[in-house]
């Protein structure tokens, strides 16, 4: 298993690499968001970023911009969002990213009244992003979201897109799957239905109401059962601790807890 941690994009990238490396992680998952991790900033610091990663023998996973609207009803906003995605993909390729994580388009504004239109726009944008990634030699990992996004939060919502694009992989986000999921089954449903397509994982805990990004054990997720399910399906790939605690040592502690849970299965 390979463990990584995500930068906080309001902090300088090089400082984030140093801190995450000091905590003993195998890779950085680079959230490509402004103000300090926009693709333009990344490219301006490309040589220094690659040197820092190499000095710590760390690999790189890129997470495409979060706060864009690739399914927006307004065409100019949608096109601008796609441009941000395409430029970020180009930056990821220049950094030799091992994997690239993608959020699907969310449904906002009046989109809730024309769901089929928004879903179609989102599918078209995803197809364009996937095509761009393939031209750059990158593999995309589509992330499950939470109910507020109104799409790609339930396992069955992934069947069509995964069937349409056989090279598309799935990022399982445990925190997202736990939101508004009182019986706690959704994480296991994703693993049961898509173990053959899950190739990246985000680990964080929450209380089931919002995306708290808590350390393991501070929320309601049964991570012992998650560890068992992953071990049973043979998962042995990348796991990002997507934990935004002020005390970064909690990242390290969460990694140690989950490693122990896997070993105990």
Protein backbone atom coordinates (compact mmCIF):
# COMPACT_ATOMS: atom_id res chain seq x y z
CA UNK A 1 0.00 0.00 0.00
CA UNK A 2 1.19 3.52 -0.76
CA UNK A 3 0.08 6.40 1.46
CA UNK A 4 -0.14 10.07 0.57
CA UNK A 5 -1.48 13.32 1.95
CA UNK A 6 -3.08 16.36 0.35
CA UNK A 7 -1.74 19.89 0.39
CA UNK A 8 -3.81 22.84 1.60
CA UNK A 9 -3.82 25.22 -1.40
CA UNK A 10 -3.62 28.36 0.72
CA UNK A 11 -0.11 27.29 1.75
CA UNK A 12 3.00 27.35 -0.49
CA UNK A 13 3.44 24.08 -2.36
CA UNK A 14 7.12 23.63 -1.52
CA UNK A 15 6.46 24.07 2.20
CA UNK A 16 3.63 21.52 1.96
CA UNK A 17 5.90 19.00 0.26
CA UNK A 18 8.49 19.38 3.01
CA UNK A 19 5.97 18.95 5.81
CA UNK A 20 4.20 15.96 4.24
CA UNK A 21 7.54 14.31 3.44
CA UNK A 22 8.65 14.79 7.05
CA UNK A 23 5.56 12.87 8.16
CA UNK A 24 6.73 9.86 6.13
CA UNK A 25 4.24 9.80 3.24
CA UNK A 26 5.00 8.17 -0.11
CA UNK A 27 3.42 10.83 -2.29
CA UNK A 28 1.78 14.22 -2.37
CA UNK A 29 -1.76 14.57 -3.67
CA UNK A 30 -1.65 18.04 -5.17
CA UNK A 31 -4.97 19.91 -4.93
CA UNK A 32 -4.71 22.21 -7.96
CA UNK A 33 -6.72 25.12 -6.59
CA UNK A 34 -5.96 28.81 -6.10
CA UNK A 35 -4.60 30.81 -4.48
CA UNK A 36 -1.27 28.94 -4.23
CA UNK A 37 -1.74 25.72 -6.24
CA UNK A 38 -3.33 27.00 -9.45
CA UNK A 39 -1.82 25.46 -12.59
CA UNK A 40 -0.09 28.78 -13.41
CA UNK A 41 1.64 28.83 -10.03
CA UNK A 42 2.53 25.16 -10.40
CA UNK A 43 4.15 25.71 -13.79
CA UNK A 44 6.06 28.76 -12.52
CA UNK A 45 7.55 26.51 -9.83
CA UNK A 46 7.76 23.31 -11.85
CA UNK A 47 11.51 22.72 -11.51
CA UNK A 48 11.50 23.39 -7.78
CA UNK A 49 8.48 21.13 -7.22
CA UNK A 50 10.04 18.25 -9.15
CA UNK A 51 13.35 18.74 -7.33
CA UNK A 52 11.63 18.71 -3.93
CA UNK A 53 9.65 15.57 -4.74
CA UNK A 54 12.77 13.83 -6.05
CA UNK A 55 14.81 14.78 -2.99
CA UNK A 56 12.27 13.00 -0.79
CA UNK A 57 11.68 10.10 -3.23
CA UNK A 58 8.02 11.09 -3.34
CA UNK A 59 5.58 10.51 -6.17
CA UNK A 60 2.77 12.85 -7.23
CA UNK A 61 -0.98 12.46 -7.60
CA UNK A 62 -2.85 15.49 -8.96
CA UNK A 63 -6.38 16.51 -8.00
CA UNK A 64 -8.00 18.68 -10.66
CA UNK A 65 -9.66 21.97 -9.57
CA UNK A 66 -12.57 21.53 -7.18
CA UNK A 67 -14.29 24.90 -7.36
CA UNK A 68 -15.30 24.98 -11.02
CA UNK A 69 -18.58 24.19 -12.78
CA UNK A 70 -18.18 21.78 -15.67
CA UNK A 71 -21.95 21.09 -15.74
CA UNK A 72 -23.08 24.70 -15.37
CA UNK A 73 -26.12 25.79 -17.38
CA UNK A 74 -24.30 28.95 -18.48
CA UNK A 75 -22.16 28.03 -21.47
CA UNK A 76 -19.44 30.62 -20.84
CA UNK A 77 -18.98 29.41 -17.24
CA UNK A 78 -18.90 25.80 -18.40
CA UNK A 79 -16.32 26.57 -21.08
CA UNK A 80 -14.15 28.54 -18.66
CA UNK A 81 -14.31 25.62 -16.22
CA UNK A 82 -13.23 23.20 -18.94
CA UNK A 83 -10.31 25.47 -19.82
CA UNK A 84 -9.20 25.34 -16.18
CA UNK A 85 -9.43 21.56 -16.29
CA UNK A 86 -7.50 21.26 -19.56
CA UNK A 87 -4.71 23.59 -18.39
CA UNK A 88 -4.50 21.70 -15.10
CA UNK A 89 -4.22 18.40 -16.97
CA UNK A 90 -1.36 19.84 -19.02
CA UNK A 91 0.39 20.88 -15.82
CA UNK A 92 -0.17 17.41 -14.33
CA UNK A 93 1.40 15.86 -17.43
CA UNK A 94 4.45 18.15 -17.12
CA UNK A 95 4.85 17.01 -13.52
CA UNK A 96 4.61 13.33 -14.55
CA UNK A 97 1.63 12.74 -12.27
CA UNK A 98 1.05 9.12 -11.36
CA UNK A 99 -2.74 9.64 -11.18
CA UNK A 100 -5.22 12.46 -11.74
CA UNK A 101 -8.36 12.72 -9.60
CA UNK A 102 -11.51 14.38 -10.93
CA UNK A 103 -14.70 15.66 -9.32
CA UNK A 104 -17.80 15.31 -11.53
CA UNK A 105 -19.87 18.40 -12.26
CA UNK A 106 -22.29 19.38 -9.51
CA UNK A 107 -25.87 20.52 -9.96
CA UNK A 108 -26.48 24.09 -8.81
CA UNK A 109 -28.84 27.01 -9.30
CA UNK A 110 -31.86 26.27 -11.47
CA UNK A 111 -30.24 23.03 -12.61
CA UNK A 112 -32.31 21.11 -10.07
CA UNK A 113 -35.36 21.78 -12.28
CA UNK A 114 -33.73 20.50 -15.49
CA UNK A 115 -31.73 17.57 -14.21
CA UNK A 116 -31.51 15.73 -17.54
CA UNK A 117 -30.03 18.79 -19.21
CA UNK A 118 -27.44 19.25 -16.47
CA UNK A 119 -26.55 15.57 -16.46
CA UNK A 120 -26.04 15.62 -20.23
CA UNK A 121 -23.84 18.71 -20.00
CA UNK A 122 -21.84 17.03 -17.25
CA UNK A 123 -21.39 13.87 -19.33
CA UNK A 124 -20.20 15.93 -22.30
CA UNK A 125 -17.68 17.77 -20.13
CA UNK A 126 -16.44 14.52 -18.58
CA UNK A 127 -16.00 13.02 -22.05
CA UNK A 128 -13.94 16.04 -23.13
CA UNK A 129 -11.77 15.88 -20.00
CA UNK A 130 -11.22 12.14 -20.39
CA UNK A 131 -10.26 12.58 -24.05
CA UNK A 132 -7.78 15.33 -23.15
CA UNK A 133 -6.25 13.18 -20.41
CA UNK A 134 -5.82 10.24 -22.77
CA UNK A 135 -4.05 12.45 -25.33
CA UNK A 136 -1.66 13.50 -22.57
CA UNK A 137 -1.09 9.91 -21.43
CA UNK A 138 -2.84 10.44 -18.10
CA UNK A 139 -5.33 8.14 -16.37
CA UNK A 140 -8.31 9.75 -14.63
CA UNK A 141 -9.85 8.65 -11.34
CA UNK A 142 -13.46 9.86 -10.95
CA UNK A 143 -14.42 10.54 -7.34
CA UNK A 144 -17.74 9.72 -5.68
CA UNK A 145 -19.43 12.80 -4.28
CA UNK A 146 -22.10 13.41 -1.61
CA UNK A 147 -25.87 13.89 -1.98
CA UNK A 148 -25.72 17.69 -2.18
CA UNK A 149 -24.02 17.30 -5.57
CA UNK A 150 -27.14 15.42 -6.77
CA UNK A 151 -25.08 13.22 -9.05
CA UNK A 152 -22.30 10.62 -8.74
CA UNK A 153 -22.93 10.05 -5.06
CA UNK A 154 -24.62 6.65 -5.33
CA UNK A 155 -22.95 3.50 -6.71
CA UNK A 156 -25.56 2.99 -9.45
CA UNK A 157 -24.84 6.48 -10.83
CA UNK A 158 -21.38 5.30 -11.88
CA UNK A 159 -22.42 2.33 -14.00
CA UNK A 160 -23.04 4.21 -17.24
CA UNK A 161 -19.92 6.38 -17.19
CA UNK A 162 -17.64 3.48 -16.21
CA UNK A 163 -19.15 1.32 -18.96
CA UNK A 164 -18.71 4.12 -21.51
CA UNK A 165 -15.06 4.74 -20.63
CA UNK A 166 -13.30 1.45 -19.83
CA UNK A 167 -10.01 3.18 -18.93
CA UNK A 168 -11.66 5.47 -16.36
CA UNK A 169 -10.91 4.46 -12.77
CA UNK A 170 -12.77 5.22 -9.54
CA UNK A 171 -11.58 7.14 -6.50
CA UNK A 172 -13.46 5.97 -3.41
CA UNK A 173 -13.86 8.79 -0.91
CA UNK A 174 -14.91 7.33 2.44
CA UNK A 175 -15.96 10.68 3.88
CA UNK A 176 -18.24 11.49 0.94
CA UNK A 177 -19.85 8.05 1.09
CA UNK A 178 -20.64 8.48 4.79
CA UNK A 179 -22.66 11.70 4.42
CA UNK A 180 -26.43 11.20 4.82
CA UNK A 181 -25.82 7.46 5.02
CA UNK A 182 -27.09 6.41 8.46
CA UNK A 183 -26.78 2.65 7.92
CA UNK A 184 -23.13 3.01 6.92
CA UNK A 185 -23.46 0.67 3.94
CA UNK A 186 -22.55 2.93 1.03
CA UNK A 187 -18.78 2.52 1.35
CA UNK A 188 -19.22 -1.23 1.23
CA UNK A 189 -21.64 -0.98 -1.70
CA UNK A 190 -19.00 0.87 -3.71
CA UNK A 191 -16.37 -1.74 -2.86
CA UNK A 192 -18.73 -4.64 -3.60
CA UNK A 193 -19.87 -3.30 -6.98
CA UNK A 194 -16.68 -1.65 -8.24
CA UNK A 195 -13.70 -3.31 -6.58
CA UNK A 196 -12.29 -3.97 -10.07
CA UNK A 197 -12.37 -0.23 -10.91
CA UNK A 198 -11.40 1.33 -7.56
CA UNK A 199 -7.75 2.30 -7.95
CA UNK A 200 -7.39 5.22 -5.55
CA UNK A 201 -8.85 6.00 -2.11
CA UNK A 202 -9.41 9.12 -0.01
CA UNK A 203 -9.60 8.37 3.71
CA UNK A 204 -11.20 10.78 6.16
CA UNK A 205 -13.81 10.56 8.89
CA UNK A 206 -16.92 12.66 9.57
CA UNK A 207 -20.12 12.70 11.61
CA UNK A 208 -22.37 11.90 8.65
CA UNK A 209 -23.64 15.45 8.12
CA UNK A 210 -20.91 17.20 6.15
CA UNK A 211 -17.41 16.66 4.76
CA UNK A 212 -15.52 17.31 7.99
CA UNK A 213 -12.19 15.72 6.90
CA UNK A 214 -11.63 14.43 10.43
CA UNK A 215 -8.84 12.08 11.53
CA UNK A 216 -9.73 8.40 11.64
CA UNK A 217 -11.64 7.60 14.82
CA UNK A 218 -13.09 11.08 15.37
CA UNK A 219 -16.25 10.42 13.35
CA UNK A 220 -18.77 7.66 12.77
CA UNK A 221 -17.13 5.56 10.02
CA UNK A 222 -16.35 1.95 10.94
CA UNK A 223 -12.84 1.84 9.50
CA UNK A 224 -12.18 -1.66 10.81
CA UNK A 225 -14.87 -2.95 8.46
CA UNK A 226 -13.56 -0.76 5.63
CA UNK A 227 -10.08 -2.21 6.11
CA UNK A 228 -11.49 -5.73 6.01
CA UNK A 229 -13.51 -5.05 2.85
CA UNK A 230 -10.47 -3.60 1.08
CA UNK A 231 -8.27 -6.48 2.15
CA UNK A 232 -10.89 -9.02 1.10
CA UNK A 233 -11.06 -7.55 -2.42
CA UNK A 234 -7.27 -7.44 -2.72
CA UNK A 235 -6.85 -3.67 -2.79
CA UNK A 236 -3.17 -2.72 -2.61
CA UNK A 237 -2.76 0.70 -4.19
CA UNK A 238 -2.74 4.40 -3.27
CA UNK A 239 -4.51 5.80 -0.20
CA UNK A 240 -4.58 9.54 0.44
CA UNK A 241 -5.23 10.74 3.99
CA UNK A 242 -7.53 13.68 3.14
CA UNK A 243 -7.48 15.02 6.69
CA UNK A 244 -7.36 18.75 7.30
CA UNK A 245 -6.53 18.84 11.00
CA UNK A 246 -4.53 21.84 12.22
CA UNK A 247 -2.15 19.42 13.91
CA UNK A 248 -0.55 17.61 10.97
CA UNK A 249 0.65 14.82 13.26
CA UNK A 250 -2.94 13.54 13.14
CA UNK A 251 -2.30 12.64 9.50
CA UNK A 252 0.53 10.39 10.56
CA UNK A 253 -1.51 8.94 13.43
CA UNK A 254 -4.41 8.15 11.09
CA UNK A 255 -2.09 6.38 8.68
CA UNK A 256 -0.70 4.28 11.51
CA UNK A 257 -4.21 3.44 12.75
CA UNK A 258 -5.39 2.31 9.32
CA UNK A 259 -2.20 0.33 8.68
CA UNK A 260 -2.79 -1.49 11.98
CA UNK A 261 -6.41 -2.18 11.01
CA UNK A 262 -5.29 -3.75 7.73
CA UNK A 263 -2.69 -5.84 9.53
CA UNK A 264 -5.28 -7.06 12.03
CA UNK A 265 -7.65 -8.43 9.39
